[in-house]
Amino acid sequence: MSAVPAAMLLQTGIRFEQPSVAAASLVVLALLSASTAGGVTVAYRWYFGALVPKGVAVVSGVAVVALYINTVSLGAVVGQRSVDLFRPGVVGFNVVALGVAAAAAPVGRRLGAAVAGELLALVGIEARDVEVAAMVRSVGRSTTIELPAEIEDIEGYDPVADETKADLAGKRLVFPRRLTVDELRSRLVDRLKTDYSVGFVDVDLTAEGGVDYLAVGSRAAGLGATITPGTVGVAIRADPPHNAAAGDQVQVWSAGDAPERLTTGELRGVAGETVTLAVDEGDAEVLSPAEQYRLVTLPAEPQPDREFATLLGRADETIGTVTVEAGSQLVGETPAAIGGTVMAIEPAAEPLIALPASDRPIESGDTIYVLGRPELFRQLETRASTPEPATDNDATQSDADTDAAPADESADSAKGGREAAGSADHDGRAS
């Protein structure tokens, strides 16, 4: 090794016909790849708070070695040195060098992870600081959230596929630092909906930014979720106008010499000559999938109920019911105080009350129809079945009643004693 000139590190065209030079060069390139991967690992751990993916470390190490080889080769070309870069020996050495770099990068990644853990712990980067203002912070890096291993289903919603929940279980998600708990929750919900196609998310975060509870549900898809009761979807063969779109009101006419209007419905979809309509359930029998029909588009009319149903289907809020048990925390509360929008209240033995007054007391046995988010229903169900805790006044009154009982008994005993003594004295004087 001492015979190897120091200038060999900056030369190209190395071949295995020069064993000492080739071996020394491979060692240097392996160290270069490992140190690069280790540096990337430390930087990634410092900024994201997680171990860098293995592929990123390997690509970084190989890229630096490839850049070194290309730079040295370019220097040889610029210096007009006679080097044949395409000789089999030179090409073989370069391929082996890239392979050695790929093998050395994981070693550098492991060493970098160990150094990062010790270094960041030494300077206090691993410590989290939770401010009084509930600010979730990470000193000098992003905030990392780890999802729980058990992910629940939101009651009343379609369940999410088991594959999706298995993919989410234990997953670590990275978010920008210096977010409040509410901002972090909002970003987490958006991330789950966008990246994992989850329709609804119910999550509770701790003050430190940890996930205390997570439940997911899927959004109802397809035509059935938007069809009102008494209406069915029917596919027919027809000739809709070229600019027909979902939501148009159309009349269905039979095709022939004497056209006859059969029904009126709402256009829901067009695929060539196949048209999907939403029609009254009784009119579906007059339509045949084998017949050809003609459609007449009617002028647009405002449909607030349809627009409201469509908007409600896209929103996170939904309508649910909660039954109030006797002595629970919801007894005595008012619709204005429970959160959400109370659409109706159905007492146990009375007719349903639509849009109740905001100050109407809630009684035991009432069934409440509420418009709100999944987390609100979870809270209301807990409060509707949890007894009201005893107050200090109740405890004080109970203690007073307990203390009063022995006092009354003592008073009665003393009174009885005085009466007995008086009777004895009276008898003595009589005798």
Protein backbone atom coordinates (compact mmCIF):
# COMPACT_ATOMS: atom_id res chain seq x y z
CA MET A 1 0.00 0.00 0.00
CA SER A 2 2.92 2.34 0.59
CA ALA A 3 3.86 1.98 -3.07
CA VAL A 4 0.54 3.40 -4.11
CA PRO A 5 0.98 7.04 -5.11
CA ALA A 6 -1.24 9.57 -3.37
CA ALA A 7 -2.30 10.97 -6.71
CA MET A 8 -4.19 7.77 -7.55
CA LEU A 9 -7.27 9.15 -5.76
CA LEU A 10 -7.65 11.75 -8.46
CA GLN A 11 -6.93 9.58 -11.45
CA THR A 12 -9.25 7.58 -13.67
CA GLY A 13 -8.92 4.60 -15.88
CA ILE A 14 -8.13 2.31 -12.93
CA ARG A 15 -8.14 -1.39 -13.81
CA PHE A 16 -7.78 -4.56 -11.82
CA GLU A 17 -4.48 -5.14 -13.56
CA GLN A 18 -3.25 -2.70 -10.88
CA PRO A 19 -4.40 -4.63 -7.76
CA SER A 20 -2.99 -2.30 -5.11
CA VAL A 21 -4.37 0.83 -6.77
CA ALA A 22 -7.74 -0.83 -7.42
CA ALA A 23 -8.06 -2.11 -3.84
CA ALA A 24 -7.12 1.25 -2.31
CA SER A 25 -9.54 3.05 -4.61
CA LEU A 26 -12.40 0.72 -3.69
CA VAL A 27 -11.74 1.28 0.01
CA VAL A 28 -11.75 5.05 -0.47
CA LEU A 29 -14.97 4.95 -2.51
CA ALA A 30 -16.63 2.69 0.09
CA LEU A 31 -15.73 5.16 2.84
CA LEU A 32 -17.04 8.01 0.70
CA SER A 33 -20.38 6.23 0.19
CA ALA A 34 -20.71 5.26 3.86
CA SER A 35 -19.91 8.76 5.10
CA THR A 36 -22.41 10.29 2.69
CA ALA A 37 -25.15 7.88 3.77
CA GLY A 38 -24.31 8.56 7.42
CA GLY A 39 -24.47 12.32 6.91
CA VAL A 40 -27.84 12.02 5.16
CA THR A 41 -29.11 9.85 8.02
CA VAL A 42 -28.08 12.41 10.66
CA ALA A 43 -29.63 15.29 8.70
CA TYR A 44 -32.87 13.37 8.10
CA ARG A 45 -33.13 12.37 11.76
CA TRP A 46 -32.49 15.93 12.88
CA TYR A 47 -35.16 17.45 10.63
CA PHE A 48 -37.86 14.76 10.46
CA GLY A 49 -37.25 12.93 13.72
CA ALA A 50 -37.25 9.51 12.02
CA LEU A 51 -34.80 7.06 10.49
CA VAL A 52 -34.09 7.78 6.85
CA PRO A 53 -35.49 5.15 4.44
CA LYS A 54 -32.89 2.65 3.36
CA GLY A 55 -33.38 3.43 -0.32
CA VAL A 56 -32.66 7.11 0.20
CA ALA A 57 -29.39 6.35 2.00
CA VAL A 58 -28.25 3.89 -0.67
CA VAL A 59 -29.08 6.24 -3.53
CA SER A 60 -27.23 9.07 -1.80
CA GLY A 61 -24.07 6.99 -1.31
CA VAL A 62 -24.05 5.60 -4.85
CA ALA A 63 -24.80 9.02 -6.34
CA VAL A 64 -21.78 10.60 -4.64
CA VAL A 65 -19.47 7.83 -5.88
CA ALA A 66 -20.86 8.08 -9.39
CA LEU A 67 -20.41 11.86 -9.26
CA TYR A 68 -16.79 11.39 -8.16
CA ILE A 69 -16.04 8.95 -11.00
CA ASN A 70 -17.68 11.22 -13.59
CA THR A 71 -15.89 14.30 -12.27
CA VAL A 72 -12.48 12.62 -12.41
CA SER A 73 -13.22 11.31 -15.91
CA LEU A 74 -14.25 14.78 -17.04
CA GLY A 75 -11.04 16.18 -15.58
CA ALA A 76 -9.04 13.64 -17.59
CA VAL A 77 -10.83 14.67 -20.77
CA VAL A 78 -10.31 18.38 -20.09
CA GLY A 79 -6.65 17.75 -19.28
CA GLN A 80 -6.31 15.96 -22.63
CA ARG A 81 -4.87 12.86 -21.00
CA SER A 82 -5.08 9.77 -23.15
CA VAL A 83 -7.48 7.61 -21.15
CA ASP A 84 -9.86 5.13 -22.77
CA LEU A 85 -12.89 5.20 -20.48
CA PHE A 86 -14.61 2.43 -22.43
CA ARG A 87 -11.94 -0.21 -22.09
CA PRO A 88 -13.42 -3.38 -20.53
CA GLY A 89 -11.07 -3.19 -17.55
CA VAL A 90 -12.02 0.42 -16.76
CA VAL A 91 -15.74 -0.24 -17.19
CA GLY A 92 -15.52 -3.33 -14.99
CA PHE A 93 -13.81 -1.39 -12.21
CA ASN A 94 -16.42 1.38 -12.33
CA VAL A 95 -19.27 -1.16 -12.08
CA VAL A 96 -17.60 -2.87 -9.13
CA ALA A 97 -17.02 0.51 -7.51
CA LEU A 98 -20.75 1.35 -7.73
CA GLY A 99 -21.57 -2.07 -6.26
CA VAL A 100 -19.18 -1.49 -3.37
CA ALA A 101 -20.78 1.93 -2.79
CA ALA A 102 -24.25 0.34 -2.70
CA ALA A 103 -23.04 -2.22 -0.14
CA ALA A 104 -21.29 0.38 2.04
CA ALA A 105 -24.23 2.81 2.18
CA PRO A 106 -26.40 0.70 4.57
CA VAL A 107 -23.42 0.43 6.93
CA GLY A 108 -23.11 4.21 6.92
CA ARG A 109 -26.85 4.49 7.51
CA ARG A 110 -26.62 2.35 10.65
CA LEU A 111 -23.61 4.27 11.94
CA GLY A 112 -25.33 7.57 11.18
CA ALA A 113 -28.46 6.48 13.09
CA ALA A 114 -26.35 5.63 16.14
CA VAL A 115 -24.43 8.90 15.95
CA ALA A 116 -27.66 10.88 15.44
CA GLY A 117 -29.28 9.33 18.50
CA GLU A 118 -26.33 10.14 20.73
CA LEU A 119 -25.74 13.59 19.27
CA LEU A 120 -29.34 14.78 19.33
CA ALA A 121 -29.86 13.44 22.84
CA LEU A 122 -26.68 15.22 23.95
CA VAL A 123 -27.79 18.63 22.68
CA GLY A 124 -31.39 18.15 23.83
CA ILE A 125 -33.04 17.99 20.43
CA GLU A 126 -35.02 14.90 21.41
CA ALA A 127 -36.86 16.75 24.21
CA ARG A 128 -40.31 18.16 23.39
CA ASP A 129 -41.52 21.42 24.80
CA VAL A 130 -45.27 21.81 25.36
CA GLU A 131 -46.22 25.42 25.95
CA VAL A 132 -49.07 26.64 28.08
CA ALA A 133 -50.86 27.77 24.92
CA ALA A 134 -51.12 24.11 23.84
CA MET A 135 -48.57 24.69 21.09
CA VAL A 136 -47.21 21.47 19.71
CA ARG A 137 -43.54 22.07 19.03
CA SER A 138 -40.41 20.20 18.07
CA VAL A 139 -37.11 21.95 18.62
CA GLY A 140 -35.44 22.43 15.27
CA ARG A 141 -37.41 19.78 13.41
CA SER A 142 -40.87 18.69 12.25
CA THR A 143 -43.61 17.13 14.38
CA THR A 144 -44.03 13.37 14.03
CA ILE A 145 -47.32 11.65 14.89
CA GLU A 146 -47.54 7.90 15.39
CA LEU A 147 -50.97 6.40 14.79
CA PRO A 148 -52.25 3.79 17.27
CA ALA A 149 -51.96 0.08 16.54
CA GLU A 150 -55.74 -0.39 16.97
CA ILE A 151 -57.97 1.76 14.74
CA GLU A 152 -61.70 1.72 15.49
CA ASP A 153 -64.71 1.98 13.17
CA ILE A 154 -67.02 4.98 13.53
CA GLU A 155 -70.42 3.73 14.58
CA GLY A 156 -73.12 4.56 12.04
CA TYR A 157 -70.73 4.83 9.09
CA ASP A 158 -69.65 2.31 6.49
CA PRO A 159 -66.46 0.56 7.66
CA VAL A 160 -63.10 1.20 6.04
CA ALA A 161 -61.37 -1.74 4.36
CA ASP A 162 -59.22 -3.86 6.67
CA GLU A 163 -56.24 -3.35 4.33
CA THR A 164 -56.47 0.41 4.79
CA LYS A 165 -56.66 0.14 8.58
CA ALA A 166 -53.72 -2.26 8.61
CA ASP A 167 -51.74 0.22 6.53
CA LEU A 168 -52.58 3.04 8.95
CA ALA A 169 -51.86 1.06 12.14
CA GLY A 170 -48.65 2.25 13.74
CA LYS A 171 -47.79 4.55 10.85
CA ARG A 172 -45.72 7.66 11.53
CA LEU A 173 -46.75 10.88 9.78
CA VAL A 174 -44.63 14.03 9.66
CA PHE A 175 -46.12 17.53 9.90
CA PRO A 176 -44.67 21.04 10.09
CA ARG A 177 -43.60 22.18 13.53
CA ARG A 178 -45.15 24.95 15.63
CA LEU A 179 -48.76 23.88 15.08
CA THR A 180 -51.48 24.16 17.68
CA VAL A 181 -53.36 21.02 18.65
CA ASP A 182 -56.38 22.11 16.58
CA GLU A 183 -54.22 22.87 13.54
CA LEU A 184 -52.42 19.56 13.91
CA ARG A 185 -55.72 17.70 14.18
CA SER A 186 -57.07 19.42 11.06
CA ARG A 187 -53.95 18.54 9.08
CA LEU A 188 -54.03 14.95 10.27
CA VAL A 189 -57.67 14.56 9.21
CA ASP A 190 -56.97 16.09 5.79
CA ARG A 191 -53.93 13.85 5.35
CA LEU A 192 -55.89 10.68 6.12
CA LYS A 193 -58.70 11.68 3.77
CA THR A 194 -56.40 12.66 0.90
CA ASP A 195 -53.72 9.96 1.07
CA TYR A 196 -55.79 7.00 2.25
CA SER A 197 -59.26 7.79 0.82
CA VAL A 198 -60.87 7.79 4.27
CA GLY A 199 -64.27 9.47 4.28
CA PHE A 200 -64.63 10.36 7.97
CA VAL A 201 -62.12 10.65 10.79
CA ASP A 202 -62.74 10.81 14.54
CA VAL A 203 -59.50 11.55 16.40
CA ASP A 204 -58.53 12.85 19.83
CA LEU A 205 -55.08 14.40 20.33
CA THR A 206 -53.33 14.94 23.63
CA ALA A 207 -51.78 18.27 24.60
CA GLU A 208 -48.39 16.86 23.55
CA GLY A 209 -49.64 16.00 20.07
CA GLY A 210 -50.08 12.25 20.61
CA VAL A 211 -53.05 10.31 19.23
CA ASP A 212 -55.30 9.23 22.10
CA TYR A 213 -58.15 7.79 19.97
CA LEU A 214 -58.60 7.20 16.23
CA ALA A 215 -61.62 5.88 14.37
CA VAL A 216 -62.35 6.02 10.65
CA GLY A 217 -65.32 5.50 8.36
CA SER A 218 -65.90 5.44 4.63
CA ARG A 219 -68.08 7.84 2.72
CA ALA A 220 -71.11 6.33 1.06
CA ALA A 221 -70.51 6.22 -2.68
CA GLY A 222 -72.60 5.42 -5.71
CA LEU A 223 -76.11 6.29 -6.75
CA GLY A 224 -77.99 4.74 -3.85
CA ALA A 225 -76.71 7.24 -1.29
CA THR A 226 -78.34 10.14 -3.17
CA ILE A 227 -81.73 8.60 -4.05
CA THR A 228 -84.61 9.75 -1.89
CA PRO A 229 -87.17 7.30 -0.44
CA GLY A 230 -89.77 6.27 -3.00
CA THR A 231 -87.33 6.81 -5.87
CA VAL A 232 -85.32 4.21 -7.79
CA GLY A 233 -82.51 4.30 -10.34
CA VAL A 234 -83.25 2.88 -13.78
CA ALA A 235 -80.98 2.42 -16.82
CA ILE A 236 -82.66 2.77 -20.22
CA ARG A 237 -81.68 3.17 -23.87
CA ALA A 238 -82.34 6.71 -25.01
CA ASP A 239 -81.03 9.64 -27.07
CA PRO A 240 -80.15 12.39 -24.57
CA PRO A 241 -79.08 15.82 -25.83
CA HIS A 242 -75.34 16.22 -26.38
CA ASN A 243 -75.06 18.68 -23.48
CA ALA A 244 -77.22 16.75 -21.01
CA ALA A 245 -75.73 16.54 -17.55
CA ALA A 246 -76.52 14.92 -14.22
CA GLY A 247 -79.28 16.76 -12.43
CA ASP A 248 -81.33 17.69 -15.49
CA GLN A 249 -85.07 17.07 -15.28
CA VAL A 250 -86.24 15.05 -18.29
CA GLN A 251 -89.43 13.59 -19.68
CA VAL A 252 -89.33 10.04 -21.01
CA TRP A 253 -91.29 9.46 -24.23
CA SER A 254 -91.83 6.24 -26.10
CA ALA A 255 -90.33 6.00 -29.60
CA GLY A 256 -92.73 5.30 -32.47
CA ASP A 257 -95.31 6.83 -34.72
CA ALA A 258 -97.44 7.91 -31.77
CA PRO A 259 -95.06 9.02 -28.98
CA GLU A 260 -96.45 8.84 -25.48
CA ARG A 261 -95.05 10.44 -22.34
CA LEU A 262 -94.30 7.70 -19.84
CA THR A 263 -92.74 9.42 -16.83
CA THR A 264 -90.59 12.27 -15.61
CA GLY A 265 -87.31 11.78 -13.84
CA GLU A 266 -83.90 13.19 -13.05
CA LEU A 267 -80.90 12.45 -15.25
CA ARG A 268 -78.09 10.87 -13.20
CA GLY A 269 -75.60 9.61 -15.77
CA VAL A 270 -74.98 9.09 -19.51
CA ALA A 271 -72.77 6.44 -21.15
CA GLY A 272 -73.33 6.38 -24.91
CA GLU A 273 -76.95 5.42 -25.49
CA THR A 274 -77.39 4.15 -21.93
CA VAL A 275 -78.97 6.69 -19.62
CA THR A 276 -79.48 6.36 -15.86
CA LEU A 277 -82.56 8.05 -14.47
CA ALA A 278 -83.99 8.53 -10.99
CA VAL A 279 -87.76 8.03 -11.28
CA ASP A 280 -90.65 7.33 -8.96
CA GLU A 281 -90.77 3.75 -7.79
CA GLY A 282 -94.21 3.19 -9.36
CA ASP A 283 -93.07 4.43 -12.79
CA ALA A 284 -90.12 2.06 -13.02
CA GLU A 285 -92.37 -0.76 -14.22
CA VAL A 286 -93.33 1.07 -17.43
CA LEU A 287 -89.69 1.30 -18.55
CA SER A 288 -87.97 -1.62 -20.31
CA PRO A 289 -84.21 -2.02 -20.79
CA ALA A 290 -84.83 -3.43 -24.28
CA GLU A 291 -86.87 -0.51 -25.64
CA GLN A 292 -85.56 2.74 -27.11
CA TYR A 293 -86.87 5.97 -25.63
CA ARG A 294 -86.69 9.68 -26.32
CA LEU A 295 -85.82 12.24 -23.70
CA VAL A 296 -87.05 15.81 -23.46
CA THR A 297 -85.07 18.11 -21.18
CA LEU A 298 -87.20 20.39 -19.00
CA PRO A 299 -86.25 23.90 -17.84
CA ALA A 300 -84.14 23.96 -14.69
CA GLU A 301 -86.05 24.51 -11.47
CA PRO A 302 -84.64 25.28 -8.04
CA GLN A 303 -84.41 22.16 -5.86
CA PRO A 304 -83.27 23.25 -2.40
CA ASP A 305 -83.98 19.83 -0.90
CA ARG A 306 -81.85 18.05 -3.50
CA GLU A 307 -79.05 20.58 -3.18
CA PHE A 308 -79.12 20.28 0.62
CA ALA A 309 -78.98 16.48 0.45
CA THR A 310 -76.04 16.66 -1.96
CA LEU A 311 -74.13 19.13 0.20
CA LEU A 312 -74.86 17.12 3.33
CA GLY A 313 -73.53 13.98 1.66
CA ARG A 314 -70.23 15.74 0.94
CA ALA A 315 -69.85 17.27 4.42
CA ASP A 316 -68.28 15.65 7.45
CA GLU A 317 -71.46 16.21 9.46
CA THR A 318 -74.21 13.62 9.54
CA ILE A 319 -77.49 13.08 11.39
CA GLY A 320 -77.55 10.64 14.28
CA THR A 321 -79.74 9.82 17.27
CA VAL A 322 -78.93 9.63 20.97
CA THR A 323 -81.30 8.27 23.63
CA VAL A 324 -80.99 9.93 27.05
CA GLU A 325 -80.98 7.59 30.05
CA ALA A 326 -82.42 8.51 33.43
CA GLY A 327 -80.00 10.38 35.68
CA SER A 328 -77.43 10.88 32.93
CA GLN A 329 -75.42 14.02 32.35
CA LEU A 330 -77.68 15.19 29.49
CA VAL A 331 -80.79 15.36 31.67
CA GLY A 332 -81.62 19.02 32.20
CA GLU A 333 -79.36 20.25 29.41
CA THR A 334 -80.74 22.32 26.54
CA PRO A 335 -80.23 21.90 22.76
CA ALA A 336 -78.15 25.07 22.73
CA ALA A 337 -75.71 23.67 25.29
CA ILE A 338 -74.97 20.18 23.96
CA GLY A 339 -73.20 21.25 20.74
CA GLY A 340 -74.16 20.47 17.17
CA THR A 341 -77.57 21.21 15.72
CA VAL A 342 -80.57 19.53 17.32
CA MET A 343 -82.97 18.76 14.47
CA ALA A 344 -85.69 17.10 16.56
CA ILE A 345 -86.48 15.62 19.96
CA GLU A 346 -88.75 12.61 20.40
CA PRO A 347 -89.96 12.24 24.00
CA ALA A 348 -90.67 8.78 25.35
CA ALA A 349 -94.48 9.11 25.35
CA GLU A 350 -95.12 12.19 23.22
CA PRO A 351 -95.05 13.07 19.51
CA LEU A 352 -91.80 14.09 17.87
CA ILE A 353 -90.86 17.77 18.26
CA ALA A 354 -89.19 19.14 15.13
CA LEU A 355 -86.72 22.02 15.56
CA PRO A 356 -87.22 22.29 19.33
CA ALA A 357 -86.67 25.53 21.20
CA SER A 358 -83.07 26.12 22.17
CA ASP A 359 -84.01 26.42 25.87
CA ARG A 360 -86.18 23.28 26.10
CA PRO A 361 -84.82 21.04 28.87
CA ILE A 362 -83.83 17.55 27.81
CA GLU A 363 -85.57 14.85 29.82
CA SER A 364 -84.81 11.21 30.48
CA GLY A 365 -86.12 8.94 27.73
CA ASP A 366 -85.81 11.62 25.04
CA THR A 367 -84.36 10.62 21.70
CA ILE A 368 -82.33 13.49 20.24
CA TYR A 369 -81.74 13.87 16.48
CA VAL A 370 -78.48 15.78 16.09
CA LEU A 371 -76.54 17.06 13.09
CA GLY A 372 -72.84 16.94 13.90
CA ARG A 373 -69.44 15.33 13.47
CA PRO A 374 -68.59 11.76 14.57
CA GLU A 375 -66.67 12.93 17.64
CA LEU A 376 -69.75 14.84 18.85
CA PHE A 377 -71.89 11.69 18.71
CA ARG A 378 -69.27 9.76 20.66
CA GLN A 379 -69.28 12.44 23.37
CA LEU A 380 -73.09 12.65 23.47
CA GLU A 381 -73.48 8.87 23.74
CA THR A 382 -71.09 8.86 26.67
CA ARG A 383 -72.90 11.71 28.42
CA ALA A 384 -76.31 10.18 27.68
CA SER A 385 -75.38 6.97 29.52
CA THR A 386 -73.09 8.33 32.27
CA PRO A 387 -74.76 9.27 35.58
CA GLU A 388 -74.42 12.83 36.76
CA PRO A 389 -71.65 13.00 39.39
CA ALA A 390 -72.63 14.01 42.91
CA THR A 391 -72.05 17.69 43.65
CA ASP A 392 -70.51 19.18 46.78
CA ASN A 393 -73.91 20.46 47.88
CA ASP A 394 -75.37 16.97 47.62
CA ALA A 395 -72.48 15.52 49.63
CA THR A 396 -72.83 18.26 52.25
CA GLN A 397 -76.57 17.72 52.53
CA SER A 398 -76.04 13.97 52.82
CA ASP A 399 -73.50 14.46 55.61
CA ALA A 400 -75.84 16.90 57.35
CA ASP A 401 -78.68 14.40 57.19
CA THR A 402 -76.37 11.69 58.57
CA ASP A 403 -75.23 13.94 61.43
CA ALA A 404 -78.76 15.06 62.14
CA ALA A 405 -80.02 11.50 62.67
CA PRO A 406 -77.89 10.75 65.80
CA ALA A 407 -78.65 14.21 67.15
CA ASP A 408 -82.37 13.56 66.80
CA GLU A 409 -81.96 10.20 68.49
CA SER A 410 -80.01 11.83 71.38
CA ALA A 411 -82.68 14.48 71.75
CA ASP A 412 -85.39 11.86 71.83
CA SER A 413 -83.45 9.88 74.45
CA ALA A 414 -82.92 12.93 76.61
CA LYS A 415 -86.56 13.85 76.32
CA GLY A 416 -87.57 10.32 77.29
CA GLY A 417 -85.21 10.46 80.28
CA ARG A 418 -86.68 13.75 81.47
CA GLU A 419 -90.20 12.39 81.13
CA ALA A 420 -89.26 9.23 83.10
CA ALA A 421 -87.61 11.28 85.86
CA GLY A 422 -90.62 13.57 86.08
CA SER A 423 -92.93 10.61 86.37
CA ALA A 424 -90.82 9.04 89.17
CA ASP A 425 -90.76 12.28 91.11
CA HIS A 426 -94.48 12.68 90.78
CA ASP A 427 -95.05 9.15 92.09
CA GLY A 428 -92.74 9.78 95.09
CA ARG A 429 -94.61 12.90 96.17
CA ALA A 430 -97.91 11.11 95.82
CA SER A 431 -96.82 8.37 98.15
